[in-house]
């Protein structure tokens, strides 16, 4: 059971990394950097607001390539 959870966790982290790595460069804003991926828009905005001490109120959540199951949180650099 623990081995399956480990494999699932590893696959989730790998998928999130792949989504962030394959973000289209042409639409990248030079003042924002990708930070993390979330399954819903609400979760993305909650994480953006929770990160106020780190990056302030300047963040954006965008659907990854039009998908509704992957939201990319980008923060101001």
PDB file of N, CA and C in Angstrom:
ATOM      1  N   UNK A   1       0.824  -1.191   0.000  1.00  0.00           N
ATOM      2  CA  UNK A   1       0.000   0.000   0.000  1.00  0.00           C
ATOM      3  C   UNK A   1       0.870   1.258   0.000  1.00  0.00           C
ATOM      4  N   UNK A   2       1.894   1.271   0.856  1.00  0.00           N
ATOM      5  CA  UNK A   2       2.774   2.435   0.897  1.00  0.00           C
ATOM      6  C   UNK A   2       3.521   2.610  -0.417  1.00  0.00           C
ATOM      7  N   UNK A   3       3.886   1.492  -1.037  1.00  0.00           N
ATOM      8  CA  UNK A   3       4.579   1.568  -2.320  1.00  0.00           C
ATOM      9  C   UNK A   3       3.677   2.200  -3.372  1.00  0.00           C
ATOM     10  N   UNK A   4       2.386   1.832  -3.370  1.00  0.00           N
ATOM     11  CA  UNK A   4       1.439   2.419  -4.329  1.00  0.00           C
ATOM     12  C   UNK A   4       1.259   3.908  -4.091  1.00  0.00           C
ATOM     13  N   UNK A   5       1.193   4.318  -2.820  1.00  0.00           N
ATOM     14  CA  UNK A   5       1.065   5.741  -2.513  1.00  0.00           C
ATOM     15  C   UNK A   5       2.301   6.510  -2.964  1.00  0.00           C
ATOM     16  N   UNK A   6       3.458   5.896  -2.775  1.00  0.00           N
ATOM     17  CA  UNK A   6       4.696   6.529  -3.218  1.00  0.00           C
ATOM     18  C   UNK A   6       4.741   6.695  -4.724  1.00  0.00           C
ATOM     19  N   UNK A   7       4.302   5.676  -5.442  1.00  0.00           N
ATOM     20  CA  UNK A   7       4.264   5.749  -6.899  1.00  0.00           C
ATOM     21  C   UNK A   7       3.272   6.812  -7.346  1.00  0.00           C
ATOM     22  N   UNK A   8       2.111   6.865  -6.694  1.00  0.00           N
ATOM     23  CA  UNK A   8       1.101   7.869  -7.036  1.00  0.00           C
ATOM     24  C   UNK A   8       1.614   9.286  -6.770  1.00  0.00           C
ATOM     25  N   UNK A   9       2.254   9.469  -5.621  1.00  0.00           N
ATOM     26  CA  UNK A   9       2.809  10.787  -5.299  1.00  0.00           C
ATOM     27  C   UNK A   9       3.893  11.176  -6.297  1.00  0.00           C
ATOM     28  N   UNK A  10       4.749  10.249  -6.654  1.00  0.00           N
ATOM     29  CA  UNK A  10       5.802  10.526  -7.627  1.00  0.00           C
ATOM     30  C   UNK A  10       5.236  10.874  -8.994  1.00  0.00           C
ATOM     31  N   UNK A  11       4.192  10.164  -9.395  1.00  0.00           N
ATOM     32  CA  UNK A  11       3.565  10.447 -10.688  1.00  0.00           C
ATOM     33  C   UNK A  11       2.911  11.822 -10.685  1.00  0.00           C
ATOM     34  N   UNK A  12       2.302  12.204  -9.562  1.00  0.00           N
ATOM     35  CA  UNK A  12       1.666  13.516  -9.465  1.00  0.00           C
ATOM     36  C   UNK A  12       2.699  14.625  -9.559  1.00  0.00           C
ATOM     37  N   UNK A  13       3.804  14.483  -8.852  1.00  0.00           N
ATOM     38  CA  UNK A  13       4.873  15.489  -8.895  1.00  0.00           C
ATOM     39  C   UNK A  13       5.472  15.562 -10.297  1.00  0.00           C
ATOM     40  N   UNK A  14       5.673  14.427 -10.919  1.00  0.00           N
ATOM     41  CA  UNK A  14       6.239  14.407 -12.276  1.00  0.00           C
ATOM     42  C   UNK A  14       5.302  15.074 -13.270  1.00  0.00           C
ATOM     43  N   UNK A  15       3.998  14.831 -13.138  1.00  0.00           N
ATOM     44  CA  UNK A  15       3.017  15.452 -14.031  1.00  0.00           C
ATOM     45  C   UNK A  15       3.010  16.961 -13.850  1.00  0.00           C
ATOM     46  N   UNK A  16       3.025  17.423 -12.608  1.00  0.00           N
ATOM     47  CA  UNK A  16       3.045  18.866 -12.352  1.00  0.00           C
ATOM     48  C   UNK A  16       4.302  19.506 -12.935  1.00  0.00           C
ATOM     49  N   UNK A  17       5.433  18.836 -12.767  1.00  0.00           N
ATOM     50  CA  UNK A  17       6.681  19.356 -13.338  1.00  0.00           C
ATOM     51  C   UNK A  17       6.643  19.391 -14.847  1.00  0.00           C
ATOM     52  N   UNK A  18       6.069  18.366 -15.456  1.00  0.00           N
ATOM     53  CA  UNK A  18       5.954  18.314 -16.909  1.00  0.00           C
ATOM     54  C   UNK A  18       5.039  19.426 -17.412  1.00  0.00           C
ATOM     55  N   UNK A  19       3.940  19.657 -16.726  1.00  0.00           N
ATOM     56  CA  UNK A  19       3.029  20.728 -17.132  1.00  0.00           C
ATOM     57  C   UNK A  19       3.716  22.086 -17.070  1.00  0.00           C
ATOM     58  N   UNK A  20       4.483  22.320 -16.021  1.00  0.00           N
ATOM     59  CA  UNK A  20       5.174  23.602 -15.894  1.00  0.00           C
ATOM     60  C   UNK A  20       6.297  23.726 -16.924  1.00  0.00           C
ATOM     61  N   UNK A  21       6.969  22.631 -17.211  1.00  0.00           N
ATOM     62  CA  UNK A  21       8.087  22.672 -18.160  1.00  0.00           C
ATOM     63  C   UNK A  21       7.621  22.858 -19.595  1.00  0.00           C
ATOM     64  N   UNK A  22       6.406  22.420 -19.910  1.00  0.00           N
ATOM     65  CA  UNK A  22       5.934  22.515 -21.279  1.00  0.00           C
ATOM     66  C   UNK A  22       5.030  23.724 -21.507  1.00  0.00           C
ATOM     67  N   UNK A  23       5.013  24.650 -20.574  1.00  0.00           N
ATOM     68  CA  UNK A  23       4.208  25.862 -20.758  1.00  0.00           C
ATOM     69  C   UNK A  23       4.716  26.608 -21.982  1.00  0.00           C
ATOM     70  N   UNK A  24       3.815  27.119 -22.800  1.00  0.00           N
ATOM     71  CA  UNK A  24       4.247  27.791 -24.030  1.00  0.00           C
ATOM     72  C   UNK A  24       5.076  29.036 -23.736  1.00  0.00           C
ATOM     73  N   UNK A  25       6.247  29.111 -24.336  1.00  0.00           N
ATOM     74  CA  UNK A  25       7.153  30.230 -24.084  1.00  0.00           C
ATOM     75  C   UNK A  25       6.631  31.527 -24.681  1.00  0.00           C
ATOM     76  N   UNK A  26       5.872  31.453 -25.759  1.00  0.00           N
ATOM     77  CA  UNK A  26       5.399  32.667 -26.417  1.00  0.00           C
ATOM     78  C   UNK A  26       4.418  33.442 -25.541  1.00  0.00           C
ATOM     79  N   UNK A  27       3.653  32.749 -24.704  1.00  0.00           N
ATOM     80  CA  UNK A  27       2.682  33.439 -23.871  1.00  0.00           C
ATOM     81  C   UNK A  27       3.248  33.777 -22.498  1.00  0.00           C
ATOM     82  N   UNK A  28       4.504  33.449 -22.255  1.00  0.00           N
ATOM     83  CA  UNK A  28       5.108  33.699 -20.948  1.00  0.00           C
ATOM     84  C   UNK A  28       5.311  35.201 -20.748  1.00  0.00           C
ATOM     85  N   UNK A  29       4.905  35.677 -19.597  1.00  0.00           N
ATOM     86  CA  UNK A  29       5.105  37.071 -19.226  1.00  0.00           C
ATOM     87  C   UNK A  29       6.488  37.180 -18.593  1.00  0.00           C
ATOM     88  N   UNK A  30       7.340  38.087 -19.053  1.00  0.00           N
ATOM     89  CA  UNK A  30       8.701  38.146 -18.515  1.00  0.00           C
ATOM     90  C   UNK A  30       8.761  38.568 -17.045  1.00  0.00           C
ATOM     91  N   UNK A  31       7.682  39.109 -16.495  1.00  0.00           N
ATOM     92  CA  UNK A  31       7.687  39.561 -15.111  1.00  0.00           C
ATOM     93  C   UNK A  31       7.094  38.531 -14.152  1.00  0.00           C
ATOM     94  N   UNK A  32       6.619  37.412 -14.666  1.00  0.00           N
ATOM     95  CA  UNK A  32       6.048  36.355 -13.843  1.00  0.00           C
ATOM     96  C   UNK A  32       6.815  35.066 -14.094  1.00  0.00           C
ATOM     97  N   UNK A  33       6.889  34.231 -13.051  1.00  0.00           N
ATOM     98  CA  UNK A  33       7.503  32.916 -13.220  1.00  0.00           C
ATOM     99  C   UNK A  33       6.523  31.862 -12.723  1.00  0.00           C
ATOM    100  N   UNK A  34       6.455  30.714 -13.382  1.00  0.00           N
ATOM    101  CA  UNK A  34       5.576  29.636 -12.925  1.00  0.00           C
ATOM    102  C   UNK A  34       6.008  29.176 -11.536  1.00  0.00           C
ATOM    103  N   UNK A  35       5.037  28.956 -10.675  1.00  0.00           N
ATOM    104  CA  UNK A  35       5.354  28.533  -9.314  1.00  0.00           C
ATOM    105  C   UNK A  35       4.857  27.123  -9.019  1.00  0.00           C
ATOM    106  N   UNK A  36       3.582  26.837  -9.317  1.00  0.00           N
ATOM    107  CA  UNK A  36       3.031  25.511  -9.029  1.00  0.00           C
ATOM    108  C   UNK A  36       1.760  25.286  -9.830  1.00  0.00           C
ATOM    109  N   UNK A  37       1.284  24.040  -9.835  1.00  0.00           N
ATOM    110  CA  UNK A  37       0.094  23.648 -10.588  1.00  0.00           C
ATOM    111  C   UNK A  37      -0.958  23.137  -9.610  1.00  0.00           C
ATOM    112  N   UNK A  38      -2.218  23.505  -9.834  1.00  0.00           N
ATOM    113  CA  UNK A  38      -3.321  23.115  -8.962  1.00  0.00           C
ATOM    114  C   UNK A  38      -4.454  22.532  -9.792  1.00  0.00           C
ATOM    115  N   UNK A  39      -5.294  21.685  -9.177  1.00  0.00           N
ATOM    116  CA  UNK A  39      -6.369  21.024  -9.928  1.00  0.00           C
ATOM    117  C   UNK A  39      -7.577  21.913 -10.208  1.00  0.00           C
ATOM    118  N   UNK A  40      -7.764  22.986  -9.430  1.00  0.00           N
ATOM    119  CA  UNK A  40      -8.916  23.863  -9.644  1.00  0.00           C
ATOM    120  C   UNK A  40      -8.480  25.319  -9.570  1.00  0.00           C
ATOM    121  N   UNK A  41      -9.306  26.182 -10.138  1.00  0.00           N
ATOM    122  CA  UNK A  41      -9.047  27.618 -10.080  1.00  0.00           C
ATOM    123  C   UNK A  41      -9.092  28.123  -8.642  1.00  0.00           C
ATOM    124  N   UNK A  42     -10.054  27.625  -7.864  1.00  0.00           N
ATOM    125  CA  UNK A  42     -10.179  28.050  -6.468  1.00  0.00           C
ATOM    126  C   UNK A  42      -8.936  27.694  -5.658  1.00  0.00           C
ATOM    127  N   UNK A  43      -8.412  26.490  -5.867  1.00  0.00           N
ATOM    128  CA  UNK A  43      -7.203  26.065  -5.157  1.00  0.00           C
ATOM    129  C   UNK A  43      -6.015  26.930  -5.555  1.00  0.00           C
ATOM    130  N   UNK A  44      -5.941  27.280  -6.816  1.00  0.00           N
ATOM    131  CA  UNK A  44      -4.856  28.135  -7.305  1.00  0.00           C
ATOM    132  C   UNK A  44      -4.924  29.521  -6.659  1.00  0.00           C
ATOM    133  N   UNK A  45      -6.101  30.120  -6.645  1.00  0.00           N
ATOM    134  CA  UNK A  45      -6.254  31.453  -6.048  1.00  0.00           C
ATOM    135  C   UNK A  45      -6.023  31.412  -4.539  1.00  0.00           C
ATOM    136  N   UNK A  46      -6.448  30.346  -3.875  1.00  0.00           N
ATOM    137  CA  UNK A  46      -6.202  30.210  -2.440  1.00  0.00           C
ATOM    138  C   UNK A  46      -4.698  30.155  -2.159  1.00  0.00           C
ATOM    139  N   UNK A  47      -3.958  29.419  -2.976  1.00  0.00           N
ATOM    140  CA  UNK A  47      -2.506  29.336  -2.809  1.00  0.00           C
ATOM    141  C   UNK A  47      -1.849  30.679  -3.104  1.00  0.00           C
ATOM    142  N   UNK A  48      -2.356  31.389  -4.100  1.00  0.00           N
ATOM    143  CA  UNK A  48      -1.817  32.709  -4.415  1.00  0.00           C
ATOM    144  C   UNK A  48      -2.000  33.685  -3.271  1.00  0.00           C
ATOM    145  N   UNK A  49      -3.174  33.661  -2.650  1.00  0.00           N
ATOM    146  CA  UNK A  49      -3.442  34.542  -1.509  1.00  0.00           C
ATOM    147  C   UNK A  49      -2.642  34.116  -0.283  1.00  0.00           C
ATOM    148  N   UNK A  50      -2.460  32.808  -0.096  1.00  0.00           N
ATOM    149  CA  UNK A  50      -1.696  32.305   1.052  1.00  0.00           C
ATOM    150  C   UNK A  50      -0.220  32.675   0.949  1.00  0.00           C
ATOM    151  N   UNK A  51       0.268  32.899  -0.261  1.00  0.00           N
ATOM    152  CA  UNK A  51       1.671  33.252  -0.461  1.00  0.00           C
ATOM    153  C   UNK A  51       1.953  34.734  -0.325  1.00  0.00           C
ATOM    154  N   UNK A  52       1.018  35.503   0.201  1.00  0.00           N
ATOM    155  CA  UNK A  52       1.181  36.956   0.344  1.00  0.00           C
ATOM    156  C   UNK A  52       2.512  37.353   0.991  1.00  0.00           C
ATOM    157  N   UNK A  53       2.958  36.686   2.073  1.00  0.00           N
ATOM    158  CA  UNK A  53       4.240  37.090   2.669  1.00  0.00           C
ATOM    159  C   UNK A  53       5.432  36.895   1.733  1.00  0.00           C
ATOM    160  N   UNK A  54       5.309  35.992   0.751  1.00  0.00           N
ATOM    161  CA  UNK A  54       6.426  35.728  -0.152  1.00  0.00           C
ATOM    162  C   UNK A  54       6.423  36.620  -1.387  1.00  0.00           C
ATOM    163  N   UNK A  55       5.265  36.777  -2.029  1.00  0.00           N
ATOM    164  CA  UNK A  55       5.237  37.529  -3.280  1.00  0.00           C
ATOM    165  C   UNK A  55       4.195  38.630  -3.320  1.00  0.00           C
ATOM    166  N   UNK A  56       3.532  38.898  -2.224  1.00  0.00           N
ATOM    167  CA  UNK A  56       2.537  39.961  -2.182  1.00  0.00           C
ATOM    168  C   UNK A  56       1.264  39.544  -2.889  1.00  0.00           C
ATOM    169  N   UNK A  57       0.503  40.518  -3.305  1.00  0.00           N
ATOM    170  CA  UNK A  57      -0.770  40.231  -3.954  1.00  0.00           C
ATOM    171  C   UNK A  57      -0.645  40.075  -5.462  1.00  0.00           C
ATOM    172  N   UNK A  58       0.571  40.116  -5.976  1.00  0.00           N
ATOM    173  CA  UNK A  58       0.749  40.054  -7.421  1.00  0.00           C
ATOM    174  C   UNK A  58       1.021  38.616  -7.847  1.00  0.00           C
ATOM    175  N   UNK A  59      -0.017  37.965  -8.329  1.00  0.00           N
ATOM    176  CA  UNK A  59       0.078  36.605  -8.840  1.00  0.00           C
ATOM    177  C   UNK A  59      -1.021  36.444  -9.885  1.00  0.00           C
ATOM    178  N   UNK A  60      -0.941  35.376 -10.650  1.00  0.00           N
ATOM    179  CA  UNK A  60      -2.021  35.090 -11.592  1.00  0.00           C
ATOM    180  C   UNK A  60      -2.200  33.588 -11.724  1.00  0.00           C
ATOM    181  N   UNK A  61      -3.434  33.188 -11.934  1.00  0.00           N
ATOM    182  CA  UNK A  61      -3.777  31.791 -12.147  1.00  0.00           C
ATOM    183  C   UNK A  61      -4.341  31.665 -13.555  1.00  0.00           C
ATOM    184  N   UNK A  62      -3.741  30.791 -14.324  1.00  0.00           N
ATOM    185  CA  UNK A  62      -4.183  30.590 -15.700  1.00  0.00           C
ATOM    186  C   UNK A  62      -4.423  29.117 -15.967  1.00  0.00           C
ATOM    187  N   UNK A  63      -5.431  28.845 -16.753  1.00  0.00           N
ATOM    188  CA  UNK A  63      -5.705  27.490 -17.194  1.00  0.00           C
ATOM    189  C   UNK A  63      -4.545  27.053 -18.077  1.00  0.00           C
ATOM    190  N   UNK A  64      -4.047  25.848 -17.860  1.00  0.00           N
ATOM    191  CA  UNK A  64      -2.938  25.359 -18.650  1.00  0.00           C
ATOM    192  C   UNK A  64      -3.455  24.821 -19.970  1.00  0.00           C
ATOM    193  N   UNK A  65      -3.150  25.493 -21.047  1.00  0.00           N
ATOM    194  CA  UNK A  65      -3.532  25.118 -22.411  1.00  0.00           C
ATOM    195  C   UNK A  65      -5.030  24.832 -22.524  1.00  0.00           C
ATOM    196  N   UNK A  66      -5.842  25.647 -21.858  1.00  0.00           N
ATOM    197  CA  UNK A  66      -7.292  25.520 -21.970  1.00  0.00           C
ATOM    198  C   UNK A  66      -7.901  24.372 -21.196  1.00  0.00           C
ATOM    199  N   UNK A  67      -7.117  23.692 -20.383  1.00  0.00           N
ATOM    200  CA  UNK A  67      -7.634  22.563 -19.601  1.00  0.00           C
ATOM    201  C   UNK A  67      -8.269  23.083 -18.320  1.00  0.00           C
ATOM    202  N   UNK A  68      -9.295  22.405 -17.849  1.00  0.00           N
ATOM    203  CA  UNK A  68      -9.941  22.795 -16.599  1.00  0.00           C
ATOM    204  C   UNK A  68      -9.428  22.011 -15.405  1.00  0.00           C
ATOM    205  N   UNK A  69      -8.503  21.073 -15.615  1.00  0.00           N
ATOM    206  CA  UNK A  69      -7.993  20.268 -14.510  1.00  0.00           C
ATOM    207  C   UNK A  69      -6.551  20.607 -14.146  1.00  0.00           C
ATOM    208  N   UNK A  70      -6.007  21.653 -14.745  1.00  0.00           N
ATOM    209  CA  UNK A  70      -4.639  22.070 -14.432  1.00  0.00           C
ATOM    210  C   UNK A  70      -4.565  23.593 -14.485  1.00  0.00           C
ATOM    211  N   UNK A  71      -4.318  24.195 -13.334  1.00  0.00           N
ATOM    212  CA  UNK A  71      -4.224  25.652 -13.223  1.00  0.00           C
ATOM    213  C   UNK A  71      -2.817  26.004 -12.779  1.00  0.00           C
ATOM    214  N   UNK A  72      -2.168  26.885 -13.516  1.00  0.00           N
ATOM    215  CA  UNK A  72      -0.788  27.281 -13.262  1.00  0.00           C
ATOM    216  C   UNK A  72      -0.761  28.573 -12.471  1.00  0.00           C
ATOM    217  N   UNK A  73      -0.137  28.536 -11.296  1.00  0.00           N
ATOM    218  CA  UNK A  73       0.054  29.729 -10.477  1.00  0.00           C
ATOM    219  C   UNK A  73       1.379  30.351 -10.861  1.00  0.00           C
ATOM    220  N   UNK A  74       1.358  31.598 -11.307  1.00  0.00           N
ATOM    221  CA  UNK A  74       2.581  32.334 -11.632  1.00  0.00           C
ATOM    222  C   UNK A  74       2.675  33.510 -10.684  1.00  0.00           C
ATOM    223  N   UNK A  75       3.889  33.788 -10.224  1.00  0.00           N
ATOM    224  CA  UNK A  75       4.090  34.872  -9.258  1.00  0.00           C
ATOM    225  C   UNK A  75       5.019  35.926  -9.843  1.00  0.00           C
ATOM    226  N   UNK A  76       4.870  37.143  -9.372  1.00  0.00           N
ATOM    227  CA  UNK A  76       5.665  38.274  -9.841  1.00  0.00           C
ATOM    228  C   UNK A  76       7.092  38.147  -9.310  1.00  0.00           C
ATOM    229  N   UNK A  77       8.066  38.385 -10.187  1.00  0.00           N
ATOM    230  CA  UNK A  77       9.480  38.305  -9.758  1.00  0.00           C
ATOM    231  C   UNK A  77      10.033  39.698  -9.566  1.00  0.00           C
TER     232      UNK A  77
END
